[in-house]
Amino acid sequence: MVPLSWYIILSAVIFSIGVFGFLARRNLIIMFISIELMLNSVNISLAAFSHYLQVMRGQILVFFVITVAAAEAAIGLAILIAYYKNNPTIKVDEINLLKG
């Protein structure tokens, strides 16, 4: 059986990759993928703790997080496609449409 610490280390590494990708890249698609990585790392840790504590609450919460991640991806990509139709760029530094 795999120890709990391995799952937590894996989750921390994946979360760190997601944070680095979100902060270092200026492409909106890469930023969405990085957010998905961070949500999936939380899912790994929730499922691992739920398994080792022998409760189902963590695994049920994983399904809700997956649902929120799918909704976030769908809405975010829809907004990105709608924006890209008017302005052919997806670089965050070049987007100034929403400034007041």
N, C-alpha and C. Protein backbone atom coordinates (compact mmCIF):
# COMPACT_ATOMS: atom_id res chain seq x y z
N MET A 1 0.84 -1.18 0.00
CA MET A 1 0.00 0.00 0.00
C MET A 1 0.89 1.25 0.00
N VAL A 2 0.47 2.22 -0.77
CA VAL A 2 1.22 3.46 -0.91
C VAL A 2 0.95 4.34 0.30
N PRO A 3 2.02 4.87 0.93
CA PRO A 3 1.79 5.72 2.11
C PRO A 3 1.13 7.05 1.74
N LEU A 4 0.45 7.62 2.72
CA LEU A 4 -0.26 8.89 2.52
C LEU A 4 0.69 10.01 2.14
N SER A 5 1.89 10.00 2.66
CA SER A 5 2.84 11.07 2.38
C SER A 5 3.19 11.15 0.89
N TRP A 6 3.20 10.04 0.19
CA TRP A 6 3.48 10.07 -1.25
C TRP A 6 2.39 10.81 -2.01
N TYR A 7 1.14 10.59 -1.61
CA TYR A 7 0.03 11.29 -2.25
C TYR A 7 0.11 12.79 -1.98
N ILE A 8 0.47 13.14 -0.77
CA ILE A 8 0.56 14.57 -0.42
C ILE A 8 1.72 15.22 -1.15
N ILE A 9 2.84 14.52 -1.29
CA ILE A 9 3.97 15.05 -2.04
C ILE A 9 3.60 15.23 -3.51
N LEU A 10 2.92 14.23 -4.08
CA LEU A 10 2.47 14.33 -5.47
C LEU A 10 1.52 15.51 -5.64
N SER A 11 0.60 15.67 -4.71
CA SER A 11 -0.34 16.78 -4.77
C SER A 11 0.38 18.12 -4.67
N ALA A 12 1.36 18.21 -3.80
CA ALA A 12 2.11 19.47 -3.64
C ALA A 12 2.92 19.79 -4.89
N VAL A 13 3.50 18.77 -5.52
CA VAL A 13 4.28 19.00 -6.74
C VAL A 13 3.37 19.47 -7.87
N ILE A 14 2.23 18.82 -8.03
CA ILE A 14 1.30 19.22 -9.10
C ILE A 14 0.75 20.62 -8.82
N PHE A 15 0.44 20.93 -7.56
CA PHE A 15 -0.04 22.27 -7.23
C PHE A 15 1.03 23.31 -7.50
N SER A 16 2.28 23.00 -7.19
CA SER A 16 3.38 23.94 -7.45
C SER A 16 3.56 24.19 -8.94
N ILE A 17 3.43 23.13 -9.75
CA ILE A 17 3.52 23.30 -11.19
C ILE A 17 2.38 24.20 -11.68
N GLY A 18 1.19 24.02 -11.14
CA GLY A 18 0.06 24.86 -11.51
C GLY A 18 0.26 26.31 -11.13
N VAL A 19 0.77 26.56 -9.93
CA VAL A 19 1.02 27.94 -9.49
C VAL A 19 2.09 28.59 -10.36
N PHE A 20 3.16 27.83 -10.64
CA PHE A 20 4.22 28.37 -11.49
C PHE A 20 3.70 28.67 -12.89
N GLY A 21 2.89 27.77 -13.44
CA GLY A 21 2.34 28.00 -14.77
C GLY A 21 1.41 29.19 -14.81
N PHE A 22 0.64 29.39 -13.75
CA PHE A 22 -0.28 30.53 -13.70
C PHE A 22 0.47 31.84 -13.57
N LEU A 23 1.52 31.87 -12.76
CA LEU A 23 2.23 33.12 -12.52
C LEU A 23 3.26 33.45 -13.59
N ALA A 24 3.84 32.42 -14.22
CA ALA A 24 4.92 32.66 -15.15
C ALA A 24 4.45 32.90 -16.58
N ARG A 25 3.35 32.29 -16.97
CA ARG A 25 2.90 32.40 -18.35
C ARG A 25 1.88 33.51 -18.49
N ARG A 26 1.82 34.10 -19.65
CA ARG A 26 0.88 35.18 -19.92
C ARG A 26 -0.16 34.77 -20.94
N ASN A 27 -0.24 33.51 -21.29
CA ASN A 27 -1.22 33.00 -22.23
C ASN A 27 -2.44 32.54 -21.45
N LEU A 28 -3.62 32.97 -21.85
CA LEU A 28 -4.83 32.65 -21.10
C LEU A 28 -5.14 31.15 -21.09
N ILE A 29 -4.86 30.47 -22.18
CA ILE A 29 -5.12 29.02 -22.22
C ILE A 29 -4.22 28.29 -21.24
N ILE A 30 -2.96 28.67 -21.18
CA ILE A 30 -2.03 28.06 -20.22
C ILE A 30 -2.46 28.38 -18.79
N MET A 31 -3.00 29.56 -18.58
CA MET A 31 -3.47 29.92 -17.25
C MET A 31 -4.68 29.08 -16.84
N PHE A 32 -5.60 28.81 -17.78
CA PHE A 32 -6.73 27.93 -17.49
C PHE A 32 -6.26 26.51 -17.17
N ILE A 33 -5.28 26.03 -17.95
CA ILE A 33 -4.75 24.69 -17.70
C ILE A 33 -4.08 24.63 -16.33
N SER A 34 -3.40 25.69 -15.94
CA SER A 34 -2.74 25.74 -14.64
C SER A 34 -3.76 25.72 -13.50
N ILE A 35 -4.86 26.41 -13.68
CA ILE A 35 -5.92 26.38 -12.66
C ILE A 35 -6.49 24.97 -12.55
N GLU A 36 -6.66 24.30 -13.67
CA GLU A 36 -7.15 22.92 -13.65
C GLU A 36 -6.15 22.01 -12.93
N LEU A 37 -4.87 22.22 -13.15
CA LEU A 37 -3.86 21.43 -12.43
C LEU A 37 -3.96 21.64 -10.92
N MET A 38 -4.17 22.87 -10.51
CA MET A 38 -4.29 23.14 -9.08
C MET A 38 -5.54 22.48 -8.49
N LEU A 39 -6.65 22.53 -9.21
CA LEU A 39 -7.86 21.88 -8.72
C LEU A 39 -7.69 20.36 -8.66
N ASN A 40 -7.01 19.79 -9.65
CA ASN A 40 -6.80 18.35 -9.63
C ASN A 40 -5.85 17.91 -8.52
N SER A 41 -4.89 18.75 -8.17
CA SER A 41 -4.01 18.40 -7.06
C SER A 41 -4.78 18.40 -5.74
N VAL A 42 -5.72 19.30 -5.61
CA VAL A 42 -6.59 19.30 -4.43
C VAL A 42 -7.44 18.03 -4.40
N ASN A 43 -7.90 17.60 -5.57
CA ASN A 43 -8.67 16.36 -5.66
C ASN A 43 -7.85 15.16 -5.21
N ILE A 44 -6.59 15.12 -5.59
CA ILE A 44 -5.72 14.01 -5.17
C ILE A 44 -5.60 13.96 -3.66
N SER A 45 -5.36 15.12 -3.06
CA SER A 45 -5.20 15.13 -1.61
C SER A 45 -6.52 14.82 -0.89
N LEU A 46 -7.64 15.31 -1.42
CA LEU A 46 -8.94 14.99 -0.81
C LEU A 46 -9.23 13.50 -0.88
N ALA A 47 -8.98 12.90 -2.02
CA ALA A 47 -9.24 11.46 -2.17
C ALA A 47 -8.31 10.64 -1.29
N ALA A 48 -7.06 11.06 -1.18
CA ALA A 48 -6.10 10.33 -0.35
C ALA A 48 -6.48 10.40 1.13
N PHE A 49 -6.81 11.60 1.60
CA PHE A 49 -7.21 11.72 3.00
C PHE A 49 -8.51 10.97 3.28
N SER A 50 -9.42 11.03 2.32
CA SER A 50 -10.68 10.32 2.50
C SER A 50 -10.46 8.81 2.57
N HIS A 51 -9.56 8.30 1.77
CA HIS A 51 -9.28 6.86 1.79
C HIS A 51 -8.60 6.44 3.10
N TYR A 52 -7.65 7.23 3.53
CA TYR A 52 -6.91 6.85 4.74
C TYR A 52 -7.70 7.09 6.02
N LEU A 53 -8.66 8.00 5.99
CA LEU A 53 -9.49 8.22 7.18
C LEU A 53 -10.76 7.37 7.15
N GLN A 54 -10.98 6.65 6.06
CA GLN A 54 -12.14 5.77 5.90
C GLN A 54 -13.47 6.50 6.00
N VAL A 55 -13.55 7.67 5.37
CA VAL A 55 -14.81 8.42 5.29
C VAL A 55 -15.08 8.73 3.82
N MET A 56 -16.34 8.87 3.48
CA MET A 56 -16.71 9.13 2.09
C MET A 56 -16.88 10.61 1.78
N ARG A 57 -16.82 11.46 2.78
CA ARG A 57 -17.07 12.88 2.56
C ARG A 57 -16.05 13.50 1.60
N GLY A 58 -14.80 13.11 1.72
CA GLY A 58 -13.77 13.66 0.84
C GLY A 58 -13.96 13.24 -0.60
N GLN A 59 -14.36 11.99 -0.81
CA GLN A 59 -14.58 11.52 -2.17
C GLN A 59 -15.82 12.15 -2.79
N ILE A 60 -16.82 12.43 -1.99
CA ILE A 60 -18.00 13.14 -2.50
C ILE A 60 -17.63 14.57 -2.86
N LEU A 61 -16.79 15.19 -2.05
CA LEU A 61 -16.35 16.55 -2.33
C LEU A 61 -15.52 16.60 -3.62
N VAL A 62 -14.80 15.53 -3.93
CA VAL A 62 -14.04 15.46 -5.17
C VAL A 62 -14.97 15.60 -6.38
N PHE A 63 -16.13 14.97 -6.33
CA PHE A 63 -17.08 15.09 -7.44
C PHE A 63 -17.57 16.52 -7.59
N PHE A 64 -17.79 17.23 -6.50
CA PHE A 64 -18.21 18.62 -6.59
C PHE A 64 -17.09 19.50 -7.15
N VAL A 65 -15.86 19.23 -6.77
CA VAL A 65 -14.74 20.01 -7.30
C VAL A 65 -14.58 19.75 -8.79
N ILE A 66 -14.75 18.50 -9.22
CA ILE A 66 -14.68 18.19 -10.65
C ILE A 66 -15.78 18.92 -11.41
N THR A 67 -16.97 19.00 -10.83
CA THR A 67 -18.08 19.71 -11.47
C THR A 67 -17.78 21.20 -11.59
N VAL A 68 -17.25 21.79 -10.55
CA VAL A 68 -16.89 23.21 -10.60
C VAL A 68 -15.77 23.45 -11.60
N ALA A 69 -14.81 22.55 -11.68
CA ALA A 69 -13.71 22.70 -12.63
C ALA A 69 -14.21 22.61 -14.06
N ALA A 70 -15.15 21.71 -14.32
CA ALA A 70 -15.72 21.60 -15.67
C ALA A 70 -16.50 22.85 -16.03
N ALA A 71 -17.27 23.38 -15.10
CA ALA A 71 -18.03 24.61 -15.37
C ALA A 71 -17.08 25.79 -15.59
N GLU A 72 -16.04 25.86 -14.80
CA GLU A 72 -15.05 26.94 -14.95
C GLU A 72 -14.37 26.86 -16.30
N ALA A 73 -14.02 25.67 -16.72
CA ALA A 73 -13.36 25.52 -18.02
C ALA A 73 -14.30 25.88 -19.16
N ALA A 74 -15.55 25.44 -19.08
CA ALA A 74 -16.51 25.73 -20.15
C ALA A 74 -16.80 27.22 -20.25
N ILE A 75 -17.05 27.86 -19.13
CA ILE A 75 -17.36 29.29 -19.14
C ILE A 75 -16.14 30.12 -19.51
N GLY A 76 -14.99 29.74 -18.97
CA GLY A 76 -13.76 30.47 -19.28
C GLY A 76 -13.39 30.38 -20.74
N LEU A 77 -13.50 29.20 -21.32
CA LEU A 77 -13.18 29.06 -22.73
C LEU A 77 -14.21 29.75 -23.62
N ALA A 78 -15.47 29.77 -23.20
CA ALA A 78 -16.49 30.49 -23.97
C ALA A 78 -16.21 31.99 -23.98
N ILE A 79 -15.82 32.52 -22.84
CA ILE A 79 -15.46 33.95 -22.77
C ILE A 79 -14.23 34.22 -23.60
N LEU A 80 -13.26 33.32 -23.56
CA LEU A 80 -12.03 33.49 -24.33
C LEU A 80 -12.31 33.47 -25.83
N ILE A 81 -13.16 32.56 -26.29
CA ILE A 81 -13.49 32.49 -27.71
C ILE A 81 -14.27 33.74 -28.14
N ALA A 82 -15.19 34.21 -27.30
CA ALA A 82 -15.94 35.42 -27.62
C ALA A 82 -15.01 36.63 -27.70
N TYR A 83 -14.03 36.70 -26.82
CA TYR A 83 -13.08 37.81 -26.86
C TYR A 83 -12.17 37.70 -28.07
N TYR A 84 -11.76 36.47 -28.40
CA TYR A 84 -10.82 36.27 -29.51
C TYR A 84 -11.44 36.63 -30.86
N LYS A 85 -12.76 36.55 -30.96
CA LYS A 85 -13.43 36.92 -32.21
C LYS A 85 -13.24 38.40 -32.52
N ASN A 86 -13.21 39.24 -31.50
CA ASN A 86 -13.06 40.68 -31.69
C ASN A 86 -11.60 41.12 -31.71
N ASN A 87 -10.78 40.54 -30.86
CA ASN A 87 -9.37 40.91 -30.75
C ASN A 87 -8.53 39.64 -30.87
N PRO A 88 -7.76 39.50 -31.93
CA PRO A 88 -7.02 38.24 -32.13
C PRO A 88 -5.77 38.12 -31.26
N THR A 89 -5.92 38.17 -29.97
CA THR A 89 -4.80 37.94 -29.06
C THR A 89 -5.32 37.28 -27.80
N ILE A 90 -4.49 36.42 -27.22
CA ILE A 90 -4.85 35.80 -25.95
C ILE A 90 -3.76 36.02 -24.91
N LYS A 91 -2.91 37.00 -25.17
CA LYS A 91 -1.89 37.37 -24.21
C LYS A 91 -2.50 38.28 -23.15
N VAL A 92 -2.25 37.99 -21.89
CA VAL A 92 -2.85 38.76 -20.81
C VAL A 92 -2.34 40.19 -20.79
N ASP A 93 -1.09 40.39 -21.14
CA ASP A 93 -0.53 41.73 -21.11
C ASP A 93 -1.13 42.66 -22.18
N GLU A 94 -1.64 42.07 -23.25
CA GLU A 94 -2.19 42.88 -24.34
C GLU A 94 -3.69 43.09 -24.21
N ILE A 95 -4.32 42.47 -23.25
CA ILE A 95 -5.76 42.63 -23.07
C ILE A 95 -6.02 43.82 -22.16
N ASN A 96 -6.65 44.84 -22.71
CA ASN A 96 -6.98 46.03 -21.91
C ASN A 96 -8.44 46.44 -22.10
N LEU A 97 -9.26 45.54 -22.62
CA LEU A 97 -10.65 45.84 -22.90
C LEU A 97 -11.46 46.11 -21.63
N LEU A 98 -11.16 45.41 -20.55
CA LEU A 98 -11.96 45.50 -19.35
C LEU A 98 -11.51 46.61 -18.39
N LYS A 99 -10.54 47.41 -18.80
CA LYS A 99 -10.12 48.51 -17.94
C LYS A 99 -11.18 49.59 -17.91
N GLY A 100 -11.35 50.20 -16.74
CA GLY A 100 -12.39 51.21 -16.59
C GLY A 100 -11.96 52.59 -16.96
